[in-house]
């Protein structure tokens, strides 16, 4: 039977990597998406296998900004902050906004309901502000350490960290129930086990091989462990504070797991 005579729903359930990539790109970034008006996108939950590919793209863009600024003779810290700014522009500060909301909600509310209500508020509070300042400075300092490596190595490491941290978001969505029924993560849907495994395989193999080839096999493995541990801490805290995950929790998990991976890379570079 030809595709022209198959039910539309059956066609949409097929694994179409390019369409899935475009759907994931549109959801996770503010980058222009080609063919968007002619695209018949799969459901977002079926496109999450491509989250690490989008993460690798964002990481590569940020790395390019870091490398070019450094080659232009700009100070290391300025180059690192510029790279983070470019990444935030590419994603619309999607994940950073989630991190700030989580910090405000988890530590500014006394009950589960209070925390969820604070997380819905678009305004940023003291906890969110301090968390963003600390994480931006921490990530910038880690990126400056990577500048001791050749440009290609920096590109590989940052793309890998961007990929695996977003694969961990898919794992969080699969393994953790939504904290609210009408939140962004609930609307996105729960990925299947196969989609989750595909995302983890793409992100994990990319980051693991990249770290192993650029630095050492130990560094490649330890970075994956550090990223996974950071996400596990975020998940455990979310379960204790609000009883599940939200889109904000996923954003916080991405930022903190990526930071943990960069910390391993920076520590390894300092020992070389």
Protein backbone atom coordinates (compact mmCIF):
# COMPACT_ATOMS: atom_id res chain seq x y z
CA UNK A 1 0.00 0.00 0.00
CA UNK A 2 1.40 3.40 -0.89
CA UNK A 3 1.81 6.26 1.56
CA UNK A 4 -0.90 8.21 -0.25
CA UNK A 5 -3.53 5.69 0.92
CA UNK A 6 -2.30 5.20 4.47
CA UNK A 7 -4.16 6.88 7.34
CA UNK A 8 -2.61 10.20 8.31
CA UNK A 9 -2.21 9.07 11.92
CA UNK A 10 -0.19 6.04 10.85
CA UNK A 11 2.05 8.24 8.73
CA UNK A 12 2.68 10.57 11.66
CA UNK A 13 3.74 7.67 13.90
CA UNK A 14 6.58 6.68 11.62
CA UNK A 15 10.07 7.58 12.74
CA UNK A 16 11.05 10.46 10.49
CA UNK A 17 14.39 11.79 11.75
CA UNK A 18 14.37 15.04 9.79
CA UNK A 19 10.80 15.96 10.74
CA UNK A 20 11.50 14.95 14.34
CA UNK A 21 14.63 17.09 14.37
CA UNK A 22 12.72 20.11 13.08
CA UNK A 23 9.98 19.61 15.68
CA UNK A 24 12.57 19.36 18.45
CA UNK A 25 14.45 22.38 17.08
CA UNK A 26 11.27 24.44 17.06
CA UNK A 27 10.43 23.46 20.64
CA UNK A 28 13.86 23.86 22.24
CA UNK A 29 15.22 26.89 20.39
CA UNK A 30 14.38 30.19 18.77
CA UNK A 31 16.40 29.34 15.69
CA UNK A 32 14.64 29.63 12.32
CA UNK A 33 13.14 26.30 11.31
CA UNK A 34 13.07 25.57 7.55
CA UNK A 35 10.02 24.08 5.87
CA UNK A 36 7.97 24.69 9.02
CA UNK A 37 4.85 25.66 7.08
CA UNK A 38 5.00 22.56 4.93
CA UNK A 39 6.05 20.18 7.67
CA UNK A 40 3.69 17.59 9.10
CA UNK A 41 5.46 17.31 12.46
CA UNK A 42 5.34 14.19 14.61
CA UNK A 43 4.00 14.54 18.13
CA UNK A 44 6.57 16.23 20.35
CA UNK A 45 6.88 13.18 22.60
CA UNK A 46 7.86 11.15 19.52
CA UNK A 47 10.42 13.77 18.48
CA UNK A 48 12.33 13.77 21.76
CA UNK A 49 14.89 11.32 20.41
CA UNK A 50 16.23 14.33 18.52
CA UNK A 51 16.62 16.49 21.64
CA UNK A 52 20.32 15.60 21.96
CA UNK A 53 20.91 16.48 18.30
CA UNK A 54 19.43 19.92 18.94
CA UNK A 55 21.53 20.15 22.09
CA UNK A 56 24.67 19.36 20.15
CA UNK A 57 23.80 22.10 17.66
CA UNK A 58 23.30 24.68 20.42
CA UNK A 59 26.53 23.57 22.08
CA UNK A 60 28.40 23.87 18.80
CA UNK A 61 27.04 27.37 18.18
CA UNK A 62 28.07 28.45 21.67
CA UNK A 63 31.50 26.86 21.20
CA UNK A 64 31.98 28.68 17.91
CA UNK A 65 31.27 31.99 19.63
CA UNK A 66 33.74 31.14 22.39
CA UNK A 67 36.46 30.13 19.94
CA UNK A 68 36.02 33.10 17.62
CA UNK A 69 36.01 35.60 20.48
CA UNK A 70 39.16 34.04 21.88
CA UNK A 71 40.88 34.05 18.48
CA UNK A 72 39.96 37.73 18.17
CA UNK A 73 42.06 38.41 21.26
CA UNK A 74 39.19 39.14 23.63
CA UNK A 75 39.64 38.30 27.34
CA UNK A 76 38.83 34.73 28.32
CA UNK A 77 36.01 35.68 30.68
CA UNK A 78 34.39 37.96 28.11
CA UNK A 79 34.63 35.19 25.51
CA UNK A 80 32.97 32.72 27.87
CA UNK A 81 30.17 35.11 28.80
CA UNK A 82 29.61 35.87 25.12
CA UNK A 83 29.33 32.15 24.40
CA UNK A 84 26.72 31.76 27.13
CA UNK A 85 24.84 34.79 25.83
CA UNK A 86 24.77 33.35 22.31
CA UNK A 87 23.43 30.05 23.65
CA UNK A 88 20.76 31.88 25.64
CA UNK A 89 19.74 33.80 22.53
CA UNK A 90 19.53 30.57 20.54
CA UNK A 91 17.26 28.92 23.11
CA UNK A 92 15.42 31.99 24.32
CA UNK A 93 16.98 31.30 27.75
CA UNK A 94 14.49 28.43 27.89
CA UNK A 95 16.41 26.32 30.38
CA UNK A 96 17.76 29.20 32.46
CA UNK A 97 14.22 30.46 32.97
CA UNK A 98 13.27 27.03 34.30
CA UNK A 99 16.24 26.98 36.66
CA UNK A 100 15.32 30.38 38.09
CA UNK A 101 11.67 29.36 38.56
CA UNK A 102 12.70 26.14 40.30
CA UNK A 103 15.02 27.99 42.70
CA UNK A 104 12.29 30.52 43.56
CA UNK A 105 9.59 27.89 43.94
CA UNK A 106 11.49 25.20 45.79
CA UNK A 107 13.06 27.53 48.32
CA UNK A 108 10.50 30.33 48.46
CA UNK A 109 7.38 28.29 49.09
CA UNK A 110 6.36 26.47 52.25
CA UNK A 111 3.94 23.96 50.70
CA UNK A 112 3.69 22.04 47.44
CA UNK A 113 0.88 24.32 46.25
CA UNK A 114 2.85 27.45 47.12
CA UNK A 115 5.90 26.20 45.25
CA UNK A 116 3.95 25.36 42.12
CA UNK A 117 2.23 28.74 42.22
CA UNK A 118 5.54 30.59 42.58
CA UNK A 119 7.00 28.60 39.67
CA UNK A 120 4.13 29.78 37.45
CA UNK A 121 4.90 33.43 38.23
CA UNK A 122 6.86 35.07 35.42
CA UNK A 123 8.62 37.39 37.86
CA UNK A 124 12.00 36.37 39.24
CA UNK A 125 12.79 36.40 42.95
CA UNK A 126 15.86 36.45 45.15
CA UNK A 127 16.57 32.73 44.96
CA UNK A 128 16.18 32.67 41.18
CA UNK A 129 18.39 35.71 40.71
CA UNK A 130 21.17 34.36 42.90
CA UNK A 131 20.98 30.95 41.25
CA UNK A 132 21.30 32.44 37.77
CA UNK A 133 24.23 34.65 38.79
CA UNK A 134 26.08 31.76 40.41
CA UNK A 135 25.47 29.30 37.57
CA UNK A 136 26.39 31.79 34.84
CA UNK A 137 29.63 32.68 36.60
CA UNK A 138 30.37 29.01 37.27
CA UNK A 139 29.79 28.00 33.66
CA UNK A 140 31.81 30.96 32.37
CA UNK A 141 34.76 30.04 34.56
CA UNK A 142 34.58 26.43 33.36
CA UNK A 143 34.51 27.53 29.73
CA UNK A 144 37.60 29.67 30.21
CA UNK A 145 39.45 26.53 31.35
CA UNK A 146 38.56 24.80 28.09
CA UNK A 147 40.34 27.51 26.11
CA UNK A 148 43.62 25.74 26.86
CA UNK A 149 42.49 23.07 24.39
CA UNK A 150 42.57 23.24 20.57
CA UNK A 151 39.44 24.80 19.04
CA UNK A 152 38.18 21.49 17.63
CA UNK A 153 38.42 19.90 21.08
CA UNK A 154 36.39 22.73 22.63
CA UNK A 155 33.74 22.28 19.96
CA UNK A 156 33.48 18.53 20.57
CA UNK A 157 33.23 18.85 24.34
CA UNK A 158 30.63 21.62 24.36
CA UNK A 159 28.51 19.91 21.71
CA UNK A 160 28.66 16.66 23.68
CA UNK A 161 27.66 18.31 26.95
CA UNK A 162 24.78 20.07 25.20
CA UNK A 163 23.64 16.78 23.68
CA UNK A 164 23.75 14.55 26.76
CA UNK A 165 22.20 17.15 29.08
CA UNK A 166 19.17 17.34 26.78
CA UNK A 167 19.00 13.56 26.49
CA UNK A 168 18.72 13.52 30.28
CA UNK A 169 15.69 15.79 29.99
CA UNK A 170 13.98 13.07 27.97
CA UNK A 171 14.86 10.51 30.64
CA UNK A 172 13.39 12.79 33.30
CA UNK A 173 10.15 13.15 31.35
CA UNK A 174 9.91 9.38 30.86
CA UNK A 175 10.78 8.31 34.41
CA UNK A 176 8.98 10.98 36.46
CA UNK A 177 5.29 11.80 36.67
CA UNK A 178 4.16 15.38 35.99
CA UNK A 179 3.65 17.52 39.09
CA UNK A 180 0.69 19.30 37.48
CA UNK A 181 -1.82 18.12 34.89
CA UNK A 182 -1.78 21.26 32.75
CA UNK A 183 1.92 22.15 32.71
CA UNK A 184 4.26 22.33 29.74
CA UNK A 185 5.80 18.92 30.39
CA UNK A 186 2.35 17.30 30.69
CA UNK A 187 1.27 18.92 27.44
CA UNK A 188 4.46 17.74 25.72
CA UNK A 189 3.62 14.17 26.70
CA UNK A 190 5.58 11.26 28.07
CA UNK A 191 8.15 9.79 25.68
CA UNK A 192 8.15 6.06 25.18
CA UNK A 193 10.88 3.81 26.48
CA UNK A 194 12.32 3.40 22.97
CA UNK A 195 12.40 7.16 22.37
CA UNK A 196 14.14 7.66 25.72
CA UNK A 197 16.72 4.97 25.01
CA UNK A 198 17.37 6.46 21.58
CA UNK A 199 17.91 9.92 23.08
CA UNK A 200 20.24 8.57 25.76
CA UNK A 201 22.15 6.55 23.18
CA UNK A 202 22.61 9.51 20.84
CA UNK A 203 23.60 11.91 23.59
CA UNK A 204 25.60 9.43 25.65
CA UNK A 205 27.62 7.97 22.79
CA UNK A 206 28.32 11.41 21.36
CA UNK A 207 29.44 12.92 24.66
CA UNK A 208 31.23 9.80 25.85
CA UNK A 209 33.23 9.29 22.68
CA UNK A 210 33.95 13.01 22.40
CA UNK A 211 35.26 13.27 25.94
CA UNK A 212 37.24 10.06 25.60
CA UNK A 213 38.93 11.08 22.35
CA UNK A 214 39.61 14.70 23.31
CA UNK A 215 40.64 14.14 26.93
CA UNK A 216 40.68 10.55 28.20
CA UNK A 217 38.32 7.57 28.48
CA UNK A 218 38.07 8.21 32.22
CA UNK A 219 37.03 11.82 31.64
CA UNK A 220 34.45 10.78 29.06
CA UNK A 221 32.82 8.28 31.42
CA UNK A 222 33.08 10.51 34.49
CA UNK A 223 31.40 13.39 32.65
CA UNK A 224 28.42 11.15 31.84
CA UNK A 225 28.24 10.02 35.46
CA UNK A 226 28.43 13.61 36.71
CA UNK A 227 25.66 14.71 34.36
CA UNK A 228 23.46 11.80 35.40
CA UNK A 229 24.13 12.43 39.08
CA UNK A 230 23.21 16.10 38.74
CA UNK A 231 19.92 15.14 37.09
CA UNK A 232 19.24 12.53 39.79
CA UNK A 233 19.66 15.21 42.46
CA UNK A 234 17.29 17.53 40.62
CA UNK A 235 14.73 14.74 40.26
CA UNK A 236 14.96 13.69 43.92
CA UNK A 237 14.55 17.29 45.04
CA UNK A 238 11.58 17.80 42.73
CA UNK A 239 9.86 14.67 44.04
CA UNK A 240 10.34 15.87 47.60
CA UNK A 241 9.28 19.47 46.94
CA UNK A 242 6.43 19.17 44.42
CA UNK A 243 5.88 15.45 43.87
CA UNK A 244 6.99 15.27 40.23
CA UNK A 245 8.50 17.09 37.29
CA UNK A 246 7.52 20.19 35.34
CA UNK A 247 8.99 21.97 32.33
CA UNK A 248 10.90 24.19 34.76
CA UNK A 249 12.39 21.14 36.48
CA UNK A 250 13.52 19.82 33.11
CA UNK A 251 15.20 23.15 32.36
CA UNK A 252 16.96 23.12 35.72
CA UNK A 253 18.11 19.57 35.12
CA UNK A 254 19.56 20.51 31.74
CA UNK A 255 21.55 23.48 33.05
CA UNK A 256 22.91 21.69 36.11
CA UNK A 257 23.79 18.45 34.31
CA UNK A 258 25.59 20.36 31.57
CA UNK A 259 27.46 22.37 34.22
CA UNK A 260 28.49 19.16 35.98
CA UNK A 261 29.88 17.77 32.73
CA UNK A 262 31.79 20.98 31.99
CA UNK A 263 33.23 20.80 35.52
CA UNK A 264 34.66 17.36 34.79
CA UNK A 265 36.14 18.55 31.52
CA UNK A 266 37.66 21.65 33.13
CA UNK A 267 39.12 19.63 36.01
CA UNK A 268 40.65 17.18 33.54
CA UNK A 269 42.19 20.00 31.49
CA UNK A 270 43.81 21.44 34.63
CA UNK A 271 45.46 18.07 35.26
CA UNK A 272 46.87 17.68 31.74
